[in-house]
Amino acid sequence: MLDTLSSLVSPDVFKVFLTLFLSFLIGLEREDHKSNSGDYAFGGIRTFPLIGLTGFALAYLSDESPLPFTAGFLVVGGLMMLSFKHKLSTTKSAGMTSEVAGLTTYVLGALVFYEHYWLSSTIAILGVLLLELKDGLGNLVKKFPRADVVTFTKFLVLTIVILPIVPNQNFGPYEFNPFKMWLIVVAVSTISYGSYLLQLWAKGRGGIALSALLGGAYSSTATTVSLARQSAGISENTAFAGGILMASGVMYLRIVILLALFNPSLPRPLSYYFLFLSAGAICFGWFWISQKMSKQGDASLEIKNQNPLALSAACIFAALFVGMLILTYYTLQFAGNAGVVILAAIMGTIDVDPFILGISQSTGQGIDPMISSMGICVAASSNNIMKGIYALFFSRNQTGKKSLIFLIILAVLGLLPLFFL
């Protein structure tokens, strides 16, 4: 759109007004900040546009030599240092936000001159957002433990730095691919981490339904145990059973997403059925919660989960995934297709994700897609029954009994694809 506008007027006129407009946005935000804070702050609605226009003009003069623009940057930087020094002498809690915004505005002028319209506009808009959202970002930081921030940083190093150099080829008789293994770990952890961050943001708000949805994306088993424990002291309230059912419904949605990412060759009818099953479980669970809560009042919950980006959790998942590949390989060699289905029933009681992703990666490498689909259905249903037993054990009341009934029904429905695959 900016390129279209630039073709309607003189290029220099367009560049000057775009520089003025972007600088004005930053200056407007800083002017509002200065008027509200009452303390000294650098610049405002006039100063920032002037800095942007200065950057534009010196970029124009630097068309043949970078010296004018470089000298101007040093001068503006010096002014920013003087401003910050004055701020330190007048304010106890001084920050450099306005000074850095001034340097950014100076560079914006040069970006516009060299016709980097999208880049300059994006930087200006994001800069205004960062400046305006100071309080919100500060509150956000308070909600996240320091250990989680450190863990996330380590995970980014492993993902962005190490993942690209991991060998992307198959090794050994198990067709083990290190890159694909770690990519799966990243995908599973990212889905769980998104839910984890939302839970930290919600801080128990939204009642059982929101807790179940977010917790189900993290781990339906952990959510089931948490909800069952919280219901233990409430003998009459069975709304928690609806939350447990919703979490298991989200599990099917999670399975569909992961299979679509890493093995889209599996039968599409299975994915469609799992989506239908997920929607049905979530809707019925929500209906059950709303009916019970209308009589007994809502509950504020907070499901405490371990950070899924903790390196220990990622390494354990990777080890389980590799173990599932090897175990599936030998099961197929010595017990055939029936052995794979039995293995699915057993492993579903422990952790469904590593097995399902492991068997999906083995599809076409000795395992027929139909057998893989059967194993996925059996593992998911086995996992549901095990969660029903957990709910019964940890709640020891009507919530546990209702949850067991709901999850047995969901498990039976989850096995229906075995008859039409």
Protein backbone atom coordinates (compact mmCIF):
# COMPACT_ATOMS: atom_id res chain seq x y z
CA MET A 1 0.00 0.00 0.00
CA LEU A 2 2.86 2.37 0.81
CA ASP A 3 4.40 1.68 -2.61
CA THR A 4 1.07 2.58 -4.25
CA LEU A 5 0.84 5.85 -2.33
CA SER A 6 4.43 6.72 -3.21
CA SER A 7 3.59 6.45 -6.92
CA LEU A 8 0.86 9.10 -6.63
CA VAL A 9 3.10 11.95 -5.45
CA SER A 10 6.70 13.06 -5.79
CA PRO A 11 9.01 10.46 -4.15
CA ASP A 12 10.75 13.09 -2.02
CA VAL A 13 7.45 14.54 -0.83
CA PHE A 14 6.16 11.11 0.10
CA LYS A 15 9.36 10.25 1.98
CA VAL A 16 9.33 13.50 3.97
CA PHE A 17 5.70 13.11 5.02
CA LEU A 18 6.15 9.43 5.89
CA THR A 19 9.16 10.29 8.05
CA LEU A 20 7.18 13.08 9.69
CA PHE A 21 4.21 10.80 10.32
CA LEU A 22 6.20 7.93 11.85
CA SER A 23 8.25 10.30 14.01
CA PHE A 24 5.08 12.09 15.07
CA LEU A 25 3.58 8.80 16.33
CA ILE A 26 6.55 8.22 18.60
CA GLY A 27 6.60 11.83 19.72
CA LEU A 28 2.88 11.78 20.48
CA GLU A 29 3.30 8.76 22.76
CA ARG A 30 6.29 10.33 24.54
CA GLU A 31 4.40 13.62 24.98
CA ASP A 32 1.54 11.76 26.65
CA HIS A 33 4.00 9.89 28.88
CA LYS A 34 5.72 13.13 29.90
CA SER A 35 2.47 14.89 30.77
CA ASN A 36 1.27 11.95 32.88
CA SER A 37 4.49 11.20 34.75
CA GLY A 38 5.24 14.72 35.96
CA ASP A 39 9.00 13.97 35.96
CA TYR A 40 11.62 15.11 33.48
CA ALA A 41 11.48 13.23 30.18
CA PHE A 42 13.33 13.84 26.96
CA GLY A 43 11.47 15.09 23.91
CA GLY A 44 7.87 15.23 22.86
CA ILE A 45 5.52 15.90 20.00
CA ARG A 46 7.93 18.35 18.31
CA THR A 47 11.35 17.01 19.21
CA PHE A 48 10.90 13.50 17.81
CA PRO A 49 9.65 14.63 14.38
CA LEU A 50 12.63 16.99 14.19
CA ILE A 51 15.00 14.11 14.99
CA GLY A 52 13.36 11.95 12.31
CA LEU A 53 13.63 14.71 9.71
CA THR A 54 17.28 15.26 10.69
CA GLY A 55 17.99 11.58 10.09
CA PHE A 56 16.27 11.79 6.72
CA ALA A 57 18.18 14.93 5.67
CA LEU A 58 21.58 13.57 6.72
CA ALA A 59 20.83 10.28 4.93
CA TYR A 60 20.16 12.39 1.83
CA LEU A 61 23.51 14.17 2.26
CA SER A 62 25.23 10.81 2.83
CA ASP A 63 24.23 9.45 -0.56
CA GLU A 64 27.88 9.39 -1.63
CA SER A 65 29.61 9.22 1.75
CA PRO A 66 28.35 7.85 5.10
CA LEU A 67 30.16 10.54 7.09
CA PRO A 68 27.29 13.08 7.45
CA PHE A 69 24.82 10.48 8.71
CA THR A 70 27.41 8.92 11.03
CA ALA A 71 28.35 12.30 12.45
CA GLY A 72 24.69 13.12 12.97
CA PHE A 73 24.16 9.82 14.78
CA LEU A 74 27.05 10.61 17.13
CA VAL A 75 25.67 14.10 17.81
CA VAL A 76 22.15 12.79 18.52
CA GLY A 77 23.66 10.06 20.68
CA GLY A 78 25.60 12.67 22.62
CA LEU A 79 22.43 14.68 23.21
CA MET A 80 20.73 11.51 24.46
CA MET A 81 23.59 10.94 26.92
CA LEU A 82 23.28 14.50 28.24
CA SER A 83 19.55 14.04 28.64
CA PHE A 84 20.02 10.80 30.54
CA LYS A 85 22.66 12.40 32.77
CA HIS A 86 20.24 15.21 33.62
CA LYS A 87 17.50 12.67 34.28
CA LEU A 88 19.73 10.81 36.73
CA SER A 89 20.28 14.02 38.70
CA THR A 90 16.56 14.80 38.95
CA THR A 91 14.82 11.41 39.14
CA LYS A 92 15.48 8.49 41.47
CA SER A 93 14.21 5.81 39.07
CA ALA A 94 15.55 6.96 35.70
CA GLY A 95 15.15 4.93 32.52
CA MET A 96 16.60 5.31 29.02
CA THR A 97 13.41 4.56 27.09
CA SER A 98 12.95 8.05 25.66
CA GLU A 99 16.63 8.37 24.74
CA VAL A 100 16.63 5.04 22.91
CA ALA A 101 13.39 6.07 21.19
CA GLY A 102 15.18 9.22 20.01
CA LEU A 103 17.99 7.20 18.41
CA THR A 104 15.43 4.90 16.81
CA THR A 105 13.57 7.88 15.37
CA TYR A 106 16.82 9.20 13.86
CA VAL A 107 17.44 5.85 12.14
CA LEU A 108 13.82 5.76 10.88
CA GLY A 109 14.51 8.83 8.79
CA ALA A 110 17.36 7.03 7.01
CA LEU A 111 15.26 3.91 6.46
CA VAL A 112 12.54 5.95 4.80
CA PHE A 113 15.09 7.74 2.60
CA TYR A 114 16.41 4.40 1.32
CA GLU A 115 12.80 3.34 0.63
CA HIS A 116 12.56 0.65 3.30
CA TYR A 117 8.95 1.62 3.85
CA TRP A 118 7.66 -1.61 5.38
CA LEU A 119 10.64 -1.94 7.73
CA SER A 120 10.48 1.66 8.92
CA SER A 121 6.71 1.54 9.45
CA THR A 122 6.93 -1.75 11.32
CA ILE A 123 9.71 -0.51 13.61
CA ALA A 124 7.81 2.70 14.37
CA ILE A 125 4.52 0.91 15.15
CA LEU A 126 6.17 -1.77 17.28
CA GLY A 127 8.16 0.93 19.05
CA VAL A 128 5.00 2.84 19.95
CA LEU A 129 3.40 -0.38 21.21
CA LEU A 130 6.41 -1.19 23.40
CA LEU A 131 6.42 2.34 24.80
CA GLU A 132 2.68 2.36 25.45
CA LEU A 133 2.56 -1.12 26.99
CA LYS A 134 5.14 -0.40 29.68
CA ASP A 135 2.80 -1.10 32.62
CA GLY A 136 1.30 -4.18 30.99
CA LEU A 137 4.69 -5.66 30.17
CA GLY A 138 5.90 -4.90 33.69
CA ASN A 139 2.94 -6.75 35.18
CA LEU A 140 3.50 -9.61 32.75
CA VAL A 141 7.06 -10.06 33.97
CA LYS A 142 5.87 -10.27 37.57
CA LYS A 143 3.59 -13.20 36.71
CA PHE A 144 6.42 -15.34 35.33
CA PRO A 145 8.94 -16.89 37.71
CA ARG A 146 12.55 -15.96 37.01
CA ALA A 147 13.44 -19.63 36.57
CA ASP A 148 10.92 -19.91 33.72
CA VAL A 149 12.48 -16.98 31.89
CA VAL A 150 15.94 -18.56 32.17
CA THR A 151 14.58 -21.92 31.02
CA PHE A 152 12.87 -20.35 28.02
CA THR A 153 16.14 -18.64 27.03
CA LYS A 154 18.01 -21.94 27.19
CA PHE A 155 15.31 -23.56 25.10
CA LEU A 156 15.62 -20.86 22.45
CA VAL A 157 19.34 -21.58 22.24
CA LEU A 158 18.69 -25.28 21.77
CA THR A 159 15.98 -24.59 19.20
CA ILE A 160 17.39 -21.72 17.14
CA VAL A 161 21.11 -22.47 17.47
CA ILE A 162 21.34 -26.25 17.74
CA LEU A 163 18.29 -27.54 15.83
CA PRO A 164 19.53 -26.32 12.39
CA ILE A 165 22.83 -28.22 12.78
CA VAL A 166 21.30 -31.52 13.97
CA PRO A 167 21.73 -34.22 11.25
CA ASN A 168 18.58 -34.52 9.15
CA GLN A 169 18.97 -38.14 8.01
CA ASN A 170 17.99 -41.62 9.12
CA PHE A 171 20.35 -43.86 11.08
CA GLY A 172 20.27 -47.59 11.85
CA PRO A 173 17.53 -50.16 11.41
CA TYR A 174 15.10 -48.03 13.43
CA GLU A 175 15.20 -45.21 10.84
CA PHE A 176 16.13 -42.82 13.64
CA ASN A 177 16.29 -39.19 12.48
CA PRO A 178 17.84 -36.84 15.12
CA PHE A 179 16.47 -33.69 13.48
CA LYS A 180 12.93 -35.04 13.28
CA MET A 181 13.12 -36.30 16.87
CA TRP A 182 14.13 -32.91 18.22
CA LEU A 183 11.64 -31.13 15.99
CA ILE A 184 8.88 -33.27 17.51
CA VAL A 185 10.11 -32.39 21.00
CA VAL A 186 10.02 -28.70 20.07
CA ALA A 187 6.49 -28.94 18.67
CA VAL A 188 5.07 -30.82 21.67
CA SER A 189 6.80 -28.51 24.13
CA THR A 190 5.62 -25.41 22.26
CA ILE A 191 1.96 -26.48 22.42
CA SER A 192 2.32 -27.27 26.11
CA TYR A 193 4.21 -24.05 26.78
CA GLY A 194 1.53 -21.95 25.13
CA SER A 195 -1.01 -23.47 27.48
CA TYR A 196 1.37 -23.01 30.41
CA LEU A 197 1.82 -19.29 29.69
CA LEU A 198 -1.92 -18.79 29.37
CA GLN A 199 -2.42 -20.51 32.73
CA LEU A 200 0.10 -18.15 34.34
CA TRP A 201 -1.72 -15.21 32.77
CA ALA A 202 -5.16 -16.47 33.87
CA LYS A 203 -4.01 -17.13 37.46
CA GLY A 204 -7.06 -19.21 38.32
CA ARG A 205 -9.57 -16.98 36.54
CA GLY A 206 -12.23 -18.47 34.30
CA GLY A 207 -13.28 -21.31 36.57
CA ILE A 208 -13.21 -25.01 35.80
CA ALA A 209 -13.90 -24.73 32.06
CA LEU A 210 -10.94 -22.47 31.26
CA SER A 211 -8.65 -24.45 33.55
CA ALA A 212 -9.67 -27.67 31.79
CA LEU A 213 -9.13 -26.26 28.30
CA LEU A 214 -5.71 -24.78 29.04
CA GLY A 215 -4.65 -27.74 31.15
CA GLY A 216 -5.77 -30.21 28.51
CA ALA A 217 -3.49 -28.58 25.96
CA TYR A 218 -0.65 -28.93 28.46
CA SER A 219 -1.39 -32.47 29.69
CA SER A 220 -4.83 -34.01 30.06
CA THR A 221 -3.46 -36.50 32.60
CA ALA A 222 -1.94 -33.82 34.82
CA THR A 223 -5.16 -31.78 34.53
CA THR A 224 -7.30 -34.78 35.49
CA VAL A 225 -5.23 -35.43 38.60
CA SER A 226 -5.27 -31.74 39.56
CA LEU A 227 -9.04 -31.35 39.15
CA ALA A 228 -9.72 -34.62 40.96
CA ARG A 229 -7.59 -33.53 43.92
CA GLN A 230 -9.32 -30.15 44.11
CA SER A 231 -12.72 -31.84 44.10
CA ALA A 232 -11.80 -34.20 46.94
CA GLY A 233 -13.14 -31.88 49.63
CA ILE A 234 -16.36 -31.04 47.75
CA SER A 235 -18.60 -34.08 47.98
CA GLU A 236 -21.66 -32.64 46.20
CA ASN A 237 -20.04 -30.69 43.38
CA THR A 238 -19.59 -32.91 40.30
CA ALA A 239 -18.82 -30.03 37.93
CA PHE A 240 -15.18 -31.09 38.05
CA ALA A 241 -16.14 -34.22 36.09
CA GLY A 242 -17.13 -32.00 33.18
CA GLY A 243 -13.74 -30.28 33.35
CA ILE A 244 -11.95 -33.63 33.29
CA LEU A 245 -13.97 -34.63 30.21
CA MET A 246 -13.13 -31.33 28.51
CA ALA A 247 -9.40 -31.86 29.14
CA SER A 248 -9.56 -35.26 27.45
CA GLY A 249 -11.45 -33.69 24.55
CA VAL A 250 -8.58 -31.24 24.12
CA MET A 251 -6.21 -34.23 24.09
CA TYR A 252 -7.81 -35.47 20.86
CA LEU A 253 -7.41 -32.02 19.31
CA ARG A 254 -3.76 -32.02 20.35
CA ILE A 255 -3.27 -35.44 18.73
CA VAL A 256 -4.82 -34.23 15.46
CA ILE A 257 -2.50 -31.19 15.35
CA LEU A 258 0.62 -33.24 16.00
CA LEU A 259 -0.31 -35.91 13.46
CA ALA A 260 -1.05 -33.24 10.85
CA LEU A 261 2.40 -31.78 11.43
CA PHE A 262 4.42 -34.98 11.46
CA ASN A 263 2.46 -37.63 9.61
CA PRO A 264 -0.27 -36.25 7.36
CA SER A 265 -0.26 -39.56 5.44
CA LEU A 266 -2.40 -41.25 8.10
CA PRO A 267 -6.07 -41.72 7.08
CA ARG A 268 -7.96 -38.43 7.03
CA PRO A 269 -11.19 -40.01 8.33
CA LEU A 270 -9.33 -40.69 11.60
CA SER A 271 -8.43 -37.01 12.00
CA TYR A 272 -11.97 -35.94 11.16
CA TYR A 273 -13.40 -38.37 13.68
CA PHE A 274 -10.98 -37.22 16.39
CA LEU A 275 -12.00 -33.61 15.71
CA PHE A 276 -15.65 -34.60 16.05
CA LEU A 277 -14.87 -36.50 19.26
CA SER A 278 -12.92 -33.54 20.63
CA ALA A 279 -15.74 -31.09 19.91
CA GLY A 280 -18.33 -33.43 21.43
CA ALA A 281 -16.34 -33.99 24.64
CA ILE A 282 -15.60 -30.29 25.07
CA CYS A 283 -19.20 -29.22 24.43
CA PHE A 284 -20.73 -31.85 26.71
CA GLY A 285 -18.17 -31.12 29.43
CA TRP A 286 -18.92 -27.40 29.23
CA PHE A 287 -22.67 -28.11 29.34
CA TRP A 288 -22.19 -30.32 32.40
CA ILE A 289 -20.14 -27.63 34.17
CA SER A 290 -22.65 -24.88 33.37
CA GLN A 291 -25.55 -26.97 34.68
CA LYS A 292 -23.82 -27.83 37.93
CA MET A 293 -22.37 -24.38 38.52
CA SER A 294 -25.72 -22.68 38.00
CA LYS A 295 -26.85 -24.49 41.13
CA GLN A 296 -23.71 -24.48 43.26
CA GLY A 297 -21.69 -21.47 42.14
CA ASP A 298 -18.51 -21.23 40.10
CA ALA A 299 -15.06 -22.11 41.33
CA SER A 300 -11.77 -20.31 40.86
CA LEU A 301 -9.02 -22.78 40.06
CA GLU A 302 -5.34 -22.80 39.29
CA ILE A 303 -3.73 -25.93 37.87
CA LYS A 304 -0.07 -26.00 38.79
CA ASN A 305 2.08 -27.55 36.08
CA GLN A 306 5.81 -27.87 35.61
CA ASN A 307 7.33 -25.64 32.97
CA PRO A 308 7.18 -27.89 29.85
CA LEU A 309 10.24 -26.11 28.42
CA ALA A 310 12.38 -27.27 31.33
CA LEU A 311 15.36 -29.05 29.78
CA SER A 312 14.77 -32.12 31.94
CA ALA A 313 11.20 -32.44 30.62
CA ALA A 314 12.37 -32.05 27.00
CA CYS A 315 15.13 -34.63 27.42
CA ILE A 316 12.78 -37.11 29.09
CA PHE A 317 10.30 -36.73 26.23
CA ALA A 318 13.10 -37.22 23.68
CA ALA A 319 14.26 -40.37 25.47
CA LEU A 320 10.70 -41.73 25.60
CA PHE A 321 10.22 -40.98 21.91
CA VAL A 322 13.41 -42.85 20.94
CA GLY A 323 12.44 -45.70 23.26
CA MET A 324 9.05 -45.94 21.56
CA LEU A 325 10.70 -46.16 18.13
CA ILE A 326 12.94 -49.01 19.26
CA LEU A 327 10.22 -50.81 21.20
CA THR A 328 7.77 -50.54 18.31
CA TYR A 329 10.39 -51.88 15.91
CA TYR A 330 11.10 -55.01 17.98
CA THR A 331 7.43 -55.52 18.81
CA LEU A 332 6.63 -55.60 15.12
CA GLN A 333 9.52 -58.00 14.46
CA PHE A 334 8.62 -60.54 17.12
CA ALA A 335 4.88 -60.08 17.77
CA GLY A 336 3.54 -58.68 14.52
CA ASN A 337 0.63 -56.26 14.15
CA ALA A 338 -1.25 -57.70 17.14
CA GLY A 339 1.75 -56.96 19.33
CA VAL A 340 1.75 -53.31 18.23
CA VAL A 341 -1.90 -52.95 19.27
CA ILE A 342 -1.20 -54.57 22.65
CA LEU A 343 1.79 -52.27 23.10
CA ALA A 344 -0.49 -49.31 22.34
CA ALA A 345 -2.88 -50.37 25.10
CA ILE A 346 -0.02 -50.65 27.59
CA MET A 347 1.81 -47.46 26.66
CA GLY A 348 -1.40 -45.44 26.60
CA THR A 349 -1.60 -45.88 30.36
CA ILE A 350 1.81 -44.20 30.78
CA ASP A 351 2.20 -41.33 28.29
CA VAL A 352 0.25 -41.16 25.07
CA ASP A 353 2.24 -38.51 23.16
CA PRO A 354 5.62 -40.31 22.80
CA PHE A 355 3.95 -43.54 21.70
CA ILE A 356 1.57 -41.92 19.22
CA LEU A 357 4.31 -39.81 17.65
CA GLY A 358 6.71 -42.75 17.69
CA ILE A 359 4.30 -45.09 15.92
CA SER A 360 3.33 -42.37 13.46
CA GLN A 361 7.00 -41.94 12.52
CA SER A 362 7.29 -45.71 11.99
CA THR A 363 4.38 -45.68 9.51
CA GLY A 364 5.58 -46.83 6.10
CA GLN A 365 8.77 -48.25 7.61
CA GLY A 366 7.43 -51.69 8.45
CA ILE A 367 4.11 -50.63 9.96
CA ASP A 368 1.01 -50.39 7.83
CA PRO A 369 -0.87 -47.04 8.14
CA MET A 370 -4.00 -48.94 9.21
CA ILE A 371 -2.10 -50.60 12.07
CA SER A 372 -0.68 -47.23 13.11
CA SER A 373 -4.19 -45.77 13.14
CA MET A 374 -5.45 -48.69 15.24
CA GLY A 375 -2.56 -48.22 17.67
CA ILE A 376 -3.31 -44.50 18.01
CA CYS A 377 -7.00 -45.17 18.75
CA VAL A 378 -6.17 -47.87 21.31
CA ALA A 379 -3.49 -45.75 23.03
CA ALA A 380 -5.82 -42.74 23.34
CA SER A 381 -8.67 -44.88 24.71
CA SER A 382 -6.33 -46.65 27.12
CA ASN A 383 -5.14 -43.27 28.32
CA ASN A 384 -8.72 -42.13 28.91
CA ILE A 385 -9.53 -45.19 31.02
CA MET A 386 -6.37 -44.67 33.06
CA LYS A 387 -7.33 -41.04 33.67
CA GLY A 388 -10.75 -42.20 34.85
CA ILE A 389 -9.02 -44.45 37.38
CA TYR A 390 -6.84 -41.54 38.49
CA ALA A 391 -9.93 -39.36 38.95
CA LEU A 392 -11.65 -42.03 41.01
CA PHE A 393 -8.57 -42.57 43.18
CA PHE A 394 -7.73 -38.93 43.86
CA SER A 395 -11.25 -37.56 44.38
CA ARG A 396 -12.90 -40.52 46.17
CA ASN A 397 -16.34 -38.99 45.68
CA GLN A 398 -19.04 -38.51 43.06
CA THR A 399 -16.67 -36.50 40.87
CA GLY A 400 -14.41 -39.51 40.48
CA LYS A 401 -17.31 -41.84 39.68
CA LYS A 402 -18.82 -39.47 37.12
CA SER A 403 -15.40 -38.85 35.57
CA LEU A 404 -14.76 -42.58 35.24
CA ILE A 405 -18.11 -43.07 33.51
CA PHE A 406 -17.53 -40.14 31.15
CA LEU A 407 -14.02 -41.26 30.23
CA ILE A 408 -15.04 -44.90 29.70
CA ILE A 409 -17.74 -43.70 27.28
CA LEU A 410 -15.16 -41.45 25.55
CA ALA A 411 -12.74 -44.39 25.36
CA VAL A 412 -15.37 -46.62 23.77
CA LEU A 413 -16.25 -43.92 21.25
CA GLY A 414 -12.55 -43.52 20.54
CA LEU A 415 -12.37 -47.17 19.48
CA LEU A 416 -15.17 -46.91 16.90
CA PRO A 417 -12.72 -46.01 14.08
CA LEU A 418 -11.38 -49.57 14.39
CA PHE A 419 -14.54 -50.73 12.60
CA PHE A 420 -14.41 -48.36 9.62
CA LEU A 421 -10.68 -47.78 9.02
